[in-house]
C-alpha atoms as a PDB file:
ATOM      1  CA  MET A   1     -17.583   9.264  26.799  1.00  0.00           C
ATOM      2  CA  ASP A   2     -20.688  10.503  24.262  1.00  0.00           C
ATOM      3  CA  TRP A   3     -20.987   7.709  21.948  1.00  0.00           C
ATOM      4  CA  LEU A   4     -24.378   8.127  21.385  1.00  0.00           C
ATOM      5  CA  PRO A   5     -25.822   7.764  17.878  1.00  0.00           C
ATOM      6  CA  GLY A   6     -26.007  10.149  15.746  1.00  0.00           C
ATOM      7  CA  ARG A   7     -22.960  11.665  15.529  1.00  0.00           C
ATOM      8  CA  THR A   8     -21.369  12.312  12.252  1.00  0.00           C
ATOM      9  CA  ALA A   9     -18.235  13.454  10.267  1.00  0.00           C
ATOM     10  CA  GLU A  10     -16.851  13.156   6.757  1.00  0.00           C
ATOM     11  CA  VAL A  11     -13.825  13.854   5.503  1.00  0.00           C
ATOM     12  CA  SER A  12     -13.671  15.446   1.965  1.00  0.00           C
ATOM     13  CA  ARG A  13     -10.176  14.283  -0.658  1.00  0.00           C
ATOM     14  CA  THR A  14      -9.292  14.335  -4.282  1.00  0.00           C
ATOM     15  CA  VAL A  15      -8.392  11.556  -6.094  1.00  0.00           C
ATOM     16  CA  THR A  16      -3.728  11.368  -6.695  1.00  0.00           C
ATOM     17  CA  ALA A  17      -2.736   8.250  -8.551  1.00  0.00           C
ATOM     18  CA  ALA A  18      -1.479   7.311  -5.106  1.00  0.00           C
ATOM     19  CA  ASP A  19      -5.339   6.574  -4.326  1.00  0.00           C
ATOM     20  CA  THR A  20      -5.573   5.356  -7.259  1.00  0.00           C
ATOM     21  CA  ALA A  21      -6.201   1.502  -8.136  1.00  0.00           C
ATOM     22  CA  ALA A  22      -2.813   1.266  -9.898  1.00  0.00           C
ATOM     23  CA  GLU A  23      -0.714   2.725  -7.164  1.00  0.00           C
ATOM     24  CA  LEU A  24      -2.704  -0.151  -4.399  1.00  0.00           C
ATOM     25  CA  GLY A  25      -2.572  -2.824  -6.436  1.00  0.00           C
ATOM     26  CA  SER A  26      -5.887  -3.164  -6.340  1.00  0.00           C
ATOM     27  CA  GLY A  27      -5.889  -3.223 -10.205  1.00  0.00           C
ATOM     28  CA  ASP A  28      -4.576  -2.130 -13.538  1.00  0.00           C
ATOM     29  CA  LEU A  29      -6.683   1.631 -13.562  1.00  0.00           C
ATOM     30  CA  LEU A  30      -5.751   5.011 -12.918  1.00  0.00           C
ATOM     31  CA  VAL A  31      -9.315   4.561 -10.674  1.00  0.00           C
ATOM     32  CA  LEU A  32     -10.113   5.897  -7.450  1.00  0.00           C
ATOM     33  CA  GLY A  33      -8.981   1.896  -5.587  1.00  0.00           C
ATOM     34  CA  THR A  34     -11.033   0.412  -3.190  1.00  0.00           C
ATOM     35  CA  PRO A  35      -8.338  -0.244  -0.542  1.00  0.00           C
ATOM     36  CA  ARG A  36      -8.142   3.859  -0.720  1.00  0.00           C
ATOM     37  CA  LEU A  37     -11.746   4.351  -0.738  1.00  0.00           C
ATOM     38  CA  LEU A  38     -12.434   2.436   2.676  1.00  0.00           C
ATOM     39  CA  ALA A  39      -9.176   3.947   4.654  1.00  0.00           C
ATOM     40  CA  TRP A  40     -10.855   7.243   4.005  1.00  0.00           C
ATOM     41  CA  ALA A  41     -14.757   5.553   5.390  1.00  0.00           C
ATOM     42  CA  GLU A  42     -12.690   4.534   8.691  1.00  0.00           C
ATOM     43  CA  ALA A  43     -11.176   8.045   8.964  1.00  0.00           C
ATOM     44  CA  ALA A  44     -14.960   8.908   8.683  1.00  0.00           C
ATOM     45  CA  THR A  45     -16.013   6.757  11.948  1.00  0.00           C
ATOM     46  CA  VAL A  46     -13.280   7.925  13.955  1.00  0.00           C
ATOM     47  CA  ALA A  47     -13.374  11.892  12.578  1.00  0.00           C
ATOM     48  CA  ALA A  48     -17.188  10.700  14.110  1.00  0.00           C
ATOM     49  CA  LEU A  49     -15.623   9.952  17.648  1.00  0.00           C
ATOM     50  CA  GLU A  50     -13.542  13.019  17.962  1.00  0.00           C
ATOM     51  CA  GLY A  51     -13.730  14.903  21.797  1.00  0.00           C
ATOM     52  CA  ALA A  52     -16.597  11.306  22.385  1.00  0.00           C
ATOM     53  CA  LEU A  53     -13.577   9.211  23.952  1.00  0.00           C
ATOM     54  CA  ASP A  54     -12.385   8.734  27.286  1.00  0.00           C
ATOM     55  CA  PRO A  55      -8.266  10.282  27.735  1.00  0.00           C
ATOM     56  CA  GLY A  56      -6.357   7.326  27.044  1.00  0.00           C
ATOM     57  CA  ALA A  57      -9.165   4.654  24.786  1.00  0.00           C
ATOM     58  CA  THR A  58      -8.923   5.073  21.125  1.00  0.00           C
ATOM     59  CA  SER A  59     -11.014   2.618  18.689  1.00  0.00           C
ATOM     60  CA  VAL A  60     -10.084   0.062  16.188  1.00  0.00           C
ATOM     61  CA  GLY A  61     -11.806  -1.135  13.105  1.00  0.00           C
ATOM     62  CA  THR A  62     -12.816  -4.805  13.418  1.00  0.00           C
ATOM     63  CA  ARG A  63     -15.309  -4.749  10.342  1.00  0.00           C
ATOM     64  CA  VAL A  64     -16.361  -3.513   7.553  1.00  0.00           C
ATOM     65  CA  GLY A  65     -18.409  -4.667   4.415  1.00  0.00           C
ATOM     66  CA  LEU A  66     -17.595  -1.582   1.269  1.00  0.00           C
ATOM     67  CA  THR A  67     -19.372  -1.861  -1.844  1.00  0.00           C
ATOM     68  CA  HIS A  68     -17.846   0.295  -4.608  1.00  0.00           C
ATOM     69  CA  THR A  69     -20.225   1.034  -6.938  1.00  0.00           C
ATOM     70  CA  ALA A  70     -19.051   3.702  -9.260  1.00  0.00           C
ATOM     71  CA  PRO A  71     -15.087   4.897 -10.392  1.00  0.00           C
ATOM     72  CA  SER A  72     -13.529   8.078  -9.665  1.00  0.00           C
ATOM     73  CA  GLY A  73     -10.398   9.085 -12.157  1.00  0.00           C
ATOM     74  CA  ILE A  74      -7.726  11.677 -10.416  1.00  0.00           C
ATOM     75  CA  GLY A  75      -8.625  15.074 -10.108  1.00  0.00           C
ATOM     76  CA  ASP A  76     -12.214  14.254  -8.688  1.00  0.00           C
ATOM     77  CA  ALA A  77     -13.498  15.755  -4.733  1.00  0.00           C
ATOM     78  CA  VAL A  78     -14.494  12.219  -2.451  1.00  0.00           C
ATOM     79  CA  THR A  79     -16.903  13.031   0.009  1.00  0.00           C
ATOM     80  CA  VAL A  80     -17.123  10.065   2.333  1.00  0.00           C
ATOM     81  CA  THR A  81     -19.550  10.401   5.545  1.00  0.00           C
ATOM     82  CA  ALA A  82     -20.193   8.315   8.348  1.00  0.00           C
ATOM     83  CA  ARG A  83     -23.126   8.293  10.577  1.00  0.00           C
ATOM     84  CA  LEU A  84     -22.751   6.370  13.925  1.00  0.00           C
ATOM     85  CA  THR A  85     -26.146   3.778  13.685  1.00  0.00           C
ATOM     86  CA  SER A  86     -25.028   1.859  16.124  1.00  0.00           C
ATOM     87  CA  VAL A  87     -23.701   1.689  20.244  1.00  0.00           C
ATOM     88  CA  ASP A  88     -23.180  -2.014  21.636  1.00  0.00           C
ATOM     89  CA  GLY A  89     -21.111  -2.362  24.943  1.00  0.00           C
ATOM     90  CA  ARG A  90     -17.891  -0.463  23.232  1.00  0.00           C
ATOM     91  CA  ARG A  91     -18.446  -2.309  19.686  1.00  0.00           C
ATOM     92  CA  LEU A  92     -19.515   0.902  17.138  1.00  0.00           C
ATOM     93  CA  THR A  93     -20.761   0.359  13.927  1.00  0.00           C
ATOM     94  CA  PHE A  94     -21.410   2.819  11.376  1.00  0.00           C
ATOM     95  CA  ALA A  95     -22.896   3.602   7.970  1.00  0.00           C
ATOM     96  CA  VAL A  96     -20.892   4.680   5.789  1.00  0.00           C
ATOM     97  CA  ALA A  97     -21.489   6.423   2.454  1.00  0.00           C
ATOM     98  CA  ALA A  98     -19.030   8.212  -0.012  1.00  0.00           C
ATOM     99  CA  THR A  99     -19.867  10.487  -2.838  1.00  0.00           C
ATOM    100  CA  GLY A 100     -18.055  12.601  -5.722  1.00  0.00           C
ATOM    101  CA  PRO A 101     -18.698  14.637  -8.280  1.00  0.00           C
ATOM    102  CA  ALA A 102     -22.043  16.458  -7.927  1.00  0.00           C
ATOM    103  CA  GLY A 103     -23.443  14.362  -4.973  1.00  0.00           C
ATOM    104  CA  ALA A 104     -22.788  10.520  -6.819  1.00  0.00           C
ATOM    105  CA  LEU A 105     -22.979   7.566  -4.673  1.00  0.00           C
ATOM    106  CA  LEU A 106     -19.525   5.951  -5.349  1.00  0.00           C
ATOM    107  CA  GLY A 107     -20.000   3.461  -2.293  1.00  0.00           C
ATOM    108  CA  GLU A 108     -21.615   2.704   0.626  1.00  0.00           C
ATOM    109  CA  GLY A 109     -21.240   0.710   3.333  1.00  0.00           C
ATOM    110  CA  THR A 110     -20.653  -0.105   6.775  1.00  0.00           C
ATOM    111  CA  VAL A 111     -18.012  -0.073   9.278  1.00  0.00           C
ATOM    112  CA  GLU A 112     -17.545  -1.789  13.427  1.00  0.00           C
ATOM    113  CA  ARG A 113     -15.366  -0.093  15.606  1.00  0.00           C
ATOM    114  CA  VAL A 114     -15.025  -1.155  19.252  1.00  0.00           C
ATOM    115  CA  VAL A 115     -13.174   1.075  22.482  1.00  0.00           C
ATOM    116  CA  VAL A 116     -10.388   0.042  23.863  1.00  0.00           C
ATOM    117  CA  ASP A 117      -7.743   1.266  26.632  1.00  0.00           C
ATOM    118  CA  ALA A 118      -4.782   2.277  23.840  1.00  0.00           C
ATOM    119  CA  ALA A 119      -1.982   1.741  26.514  1.00  0.00           C
ATOM    120  CA  ARG A 120      -3.317  -2.302  27.141  1.00  0.00           C
ATOM    121  CA  PHE A 121      -4.039  -2.948  23.464  1.00  0.00           C
ATOM    122  CA  THR A 122      -0.947  -1.675  22.357  1.00  0.00           C
ATOM    123  CA  ALA A 123       1.064  -3.514  25.295  1.00  0.00           C
ATOM    124  CA  ARG A 124      -0.697  -6.797  23.318  1.00  0.00           C
ATOM    125  CA  LEU A 125       2.543  -6.665  21.380  1.00  0.00           C
ATOM    126  CA  ARG A 126       4.779  -7.183  23.159  1.00  0.00           C
ATOM    127  CA  GLY A 127       3.644 -10.943  24.243  1.00  0.00           C
END
């Protein structure tokens, strides 16, 4: 259990047609859709926890606050960085920031995750 604030990770992706607002149903433009940016932000938080959780544990997203402030087009490289800023028991809060070409800020926010026992959590699906 190594959930100390300061853990970081980044994910880098290239915007494709499948990542656009038009394709995702969140608009009609061929620019990076906010739902995809959010998914990449969550992926960065998961990467930041890689190797830090006990066997059988995982984390689940519980709360997100994301501001998407600038567009990115097909072919643009986007890097999302996640930094663990707060630990409250099993509740972990990350600051996330997305940058595009030349380091331009595309969006930022927070992602909250909770550490759970994977088997116990999925057993709840069976009712």
